[in-house]
Protein backbone atom coordinates (compact mmCIF):
# COMPACT_ATOMS: atom_id res chain seq x y z
CA MET A 1 -101.87 -142.51 -59.96
CA MET A 2 -103.33 -139.26 -60.74
CA GLU A 3 -105.51 -138.77 -63.58
CA ARG A 4 -105.10 -135.43 -64.34
CA PRO A 5 -101.60 -133.42 -65.00
CA PHE A 6 -99.69 -132.47 -62.06
CA ASP A 7 -99.94 -128.88 -60.85
CA ILE A 8 -96.43 -127.77 -59.77
CA LEU A 9 -96.04 -124.09 -58.46
CA LEU A 10 -92.45 -122.85 -59.26
CA VAL A 11 -91.75 -119.94 -57.18
CA GLU A 12 -88.73 -118.32 -58.89
CA ASP A 13 -87.70 -114.23 -59.89
CA ASN A 14 -85.14 -115.51 -62.35
CA ALA A 15 -86.77 -115.75 -65.88
CA ALA A 16 -83.71 -117.75 -67.11
CA ASP A 17 -84.27 -120.21 -64.35
CA ILE A 18 -88.03 -120.42 -65.03
CA GLY A 19 -87.11 -121.09 -68.63
CA LEU A 20 -84.52 -123.73 -67.80
CA THR A 21 -86.77 -125.58 -65.17
CA ASP A 22 -89.70 -125.46 -67.48
CA GLU A 23 -87.19 -127.02 -70.06
CA ALA A 24 -86.26 -129.64 -67.96
CA LEU A 25 -89.43 -130.76 -66.54
CA ARG A 26 -90.83 -131.20 -70.57
CA GLU A 27 -88.09 -133.81 -71.00
CA ALA A 28 -89.18 -136.14 -68.49
CA SER A 29 -92.64 -137.92 -69.47
CA THR A 30 -94.91 -137.09 -66.65
CA PRO A 31 -97.80 -134.51 -67.80
CA TYR A 32 -97.80 -131.47 -65.42
CA THR A 33 -98.86 -127.83 -65.73
CA LEU A 34 -96.31 -125.11 -64.29
CA HIS A 35 -97.57 -122.17 -62.62
CA VAL A 36 -95.07 -119.49 -61.88
CA ALA A 37 -94.62 -116.88 -59.08
CA ARG A 38 -92.16 -114.91 -59.20
CA ASP A 39 -91.70 -113.58 -55.51
CA GLY A 40 -93.20 -114.80 -52.19
CA GLU A 41 -95.99 -112.53 -51.70
CA ASP A 42 -97.50 -114.02 -55.19
CA ALA A 43 -96.90 -117.47 -54.39
CA LEU A 44 -98.55 -116.97 -50.98
CA ALA A 45 -101.56 -115.50 -52.70
CA PHE A 46 -101.49 -118.37 -55.33
CA LEU A 47 -101.80 -120.92 -52.60
CA ARG A 48 -104.38 -119.11 -50.70
CA ARG A 49 -106.24 -118.63 -54.17
CA GLN A 50 -106.19 -114.81 -53.48
CA GLY A 51 -107.08 -111.89 -55.79
CA THR A 52 -105.97 -112.71 -59.54
CA HIS A 53 -105.05 -116.21 -58.43
CA ALA A 54 -109.06 -117.10 -57.34
CA GLY A 55 -109.77 -120.32 -58.98
CA GLN A 56 -106.36 -121.47 -59.39
CA PRO A 57 -105.72 -125.18 -58.51
CA ARG A 58 -104.06 -126.46 -55.65
CA PRO A 59 -100.40 -127.43 -56.35
CA ASP A 60 -99.43 -131.03 -56.06
CA LEU A 61 -95.77 -129.55 -55.78
CA ILE A 62 -93.84 -126.40 -54.83
CA LEU A 63 -90.37 -125.95 -56.22
CA LEU A 64 -89.25 -122.82 -53.84
CA ASP A 65 -86.27 -120.66 -54.37
CA LEU A 66 -84.72 -119.11 -51.36
CA ASN A 67 -83.78 -115.59 -52.53
CA MET A 68 -86.75 -113.53 -54.02
CA PRO A 69 -87.93 -110.14 -53.81
CA ARG A 70 -90.75 -108.85 -51.34
CA LYS A 71 -90.66 -112.15 -49.31
CA GLY A 72 -88.10 -114.45 -49.16
CA GLY A 73 -88.11 -118.17 -49.54
CA ARG A 74 -87.57 -119.02 -45.77
CA GLU A 75 -90.79 -116.78 -45.03
CA VAL A 76 -92.67 -118.37 -47.56
CA LEU A 77 -91.70 -122.38 -46.33
CA ALA A 78 -92.61 -120.89 -42.73
CA GLU A 79 -95.94 -119.71 -43.71
CA ILE A 80 -96.81 -122.67 -45.90
CA LYS A 81 -95.81 -124.86 -43.00
CA GLU A 82 -97.62 -123.28 -40.39
CA ASP A 83 -101.06 -123.31 -42.24
CA SER A 84 -103.39 -126.25 -41.80
CA ASP A 85 -104.53 -126.14 -45.31
CA LEU A 86 -101.20 -125.85 -47.32
CA ARG A 87 -98.58 -127.82 -44.99
CA ARG A 88 -99.05 -131.23 -46.72
CA ILE A 89 -98.11 -129.81 -49.94
CA PRO A 90 -94.25 -131.09 -50.43
CA VAL A 91 -91.87 -128.03 -50.73
CA VAL A 92 -88.48 -128.63 -52.38
CA VAL A 93 -86.31 -126.03 -51.71
CA LEU A 94 -84.51 -125.55 -55.45
CA THR A 95 -81.72 -122.69 -55.04
CA THR A 96 -78.06 -121.62 -55.71
CA SER A 97 -77.45 -121.54 -51.98
CA SER A 98 -75.32 -124.67 -50.58
CA ASP A 99 -74.97 -122.71 -47.51
CA LEU A 100 -75.06 -125.05 -44.60
CA ASP A 101 -77.23 -122.44 -42.48
CA ASP A 102 -79.48 -122.12 -45.26
CA ILE A 103 -79.84 -125.84 -45.66
CA ARG A 104 -80.40 -126.37 -41.98
CA ALA A 105 -82.92 -123.49 -41.78
CA ALA A 106 -84.89 -125.07 -44.76
CA TYR A 107 -85.36 -128.69 -42.90
CA ASN A 108 -86.46 -126.99 -39.71
CA LEU A 109 -88.79 -125.10 -41.53
CA HIS A 110 -90.30 -128.55 -42.55
CA ALA A 111 -88.94 -128.45 -46.41
CA ASN A 112 -89.39 -131.75 -47.91
CA CYS A 113 -86.11 -131.59 -49.93
CA TYR A 114 -83.46 -129.41 -50.70
CA LEU A 115 -81.55 -129.35 -54.03
CA VAL A 116 -78.87 -127.15 -55.04
CA LYS A 117 -79.35 -125.99 -58.51
CA PRO A 118 -75.98 -127.35 -60.35
CA VAL A 119 -74.20 -125.07 -62.51
CA ASP A 120 -73.70 -127.13 -65.11
CA LEU A 121 -76.77 -127.57 -67.68
CA SER A 122 -76.72 -131.29 -67.97
CA GLN A 123 -76.50 -131.71 -64.66
CA PHE A 124 -79.19 -129.46 -63.86
CA PHE A 125 -81.64 -131.32 -66.30
CA ASN A 126 -80.65 -134.64 -64.49
CA ALA A 127 -81.45 -133.25 -61.11
CA ILE A 128 -84.85 -132.06 -62.31
CA ALA A 129 -85.73 -135.37 -63.85
CA ALA A 130 -84.50 -137.10 -60.65
CA LEU A 131 -87.00 -134.63 -58.54
CA LYS A 132 -89.85 -135.08 -61.07
CA GLY A 133 -89.30 -138.77 -61.31
CA PHE A 134 -89.30 -139.34 -57.57
CA TRP A 135 -92.32 -136.76 -56.55
CA LEU A 136 -94.57 -137.23 -59.34
CA SER A 137 -93.89 -140.85 -60.26
CA VAL A 138 -92.37 -142.66 -56.98
CA VAL A 139 -94.25 -141.02 -54.20
CA THR A 140 -98.14 -141.22 -53.05
CA LEU A 141 -99.13 -137.27 -52.70
CA PRO A 142 -101.95 -136.19 -50.62
CA SER A 143 -105.04 -134.93 -52.49
CA GLU A 144 -106.70 -131.85 -51.70
C-alpha cells in the first residue's frame, strides 16, 4: 500500500469531462492528486518531464481519452507503451467511443483497460469509483 497520494494523469481536452472525472474521483476515499493534460503533446511532455513539466511526479495511473487535439490517444498510447521508462504505467482508455475498431486498436497498443464513458451521470460516477477502487486499492502497481 502506498503511503503517499496516488498521482493520476488525466489526458482529456473537454473541461466538463475533466470536472466530472475529478468530482467522481473525490467520491472515493483513496487519496490522489489529479494532473491534467489537455492534449496528447502535453501528456507526453508531462510523462517525460519536459519543459514546464520538469519536476512533475511520475503518474501511478493514466486515464486517456482517444479523441484529442494535436496528438490523438492512439498515438499517445503507442508512444507510452514503446517507451521503456513509461510502459509499466497502467493506461486506462476512458473515452466516449464504443467503436469495436477503437477497442481493438487500444488493446493492440497494450492499453490496460478500456472504459466507455457512461452518458448517465450516476453510471459515470459508479464507473469511476470502480476504476479507482480496482487500480488504486486492489492491484499492486509498479513503483518508479
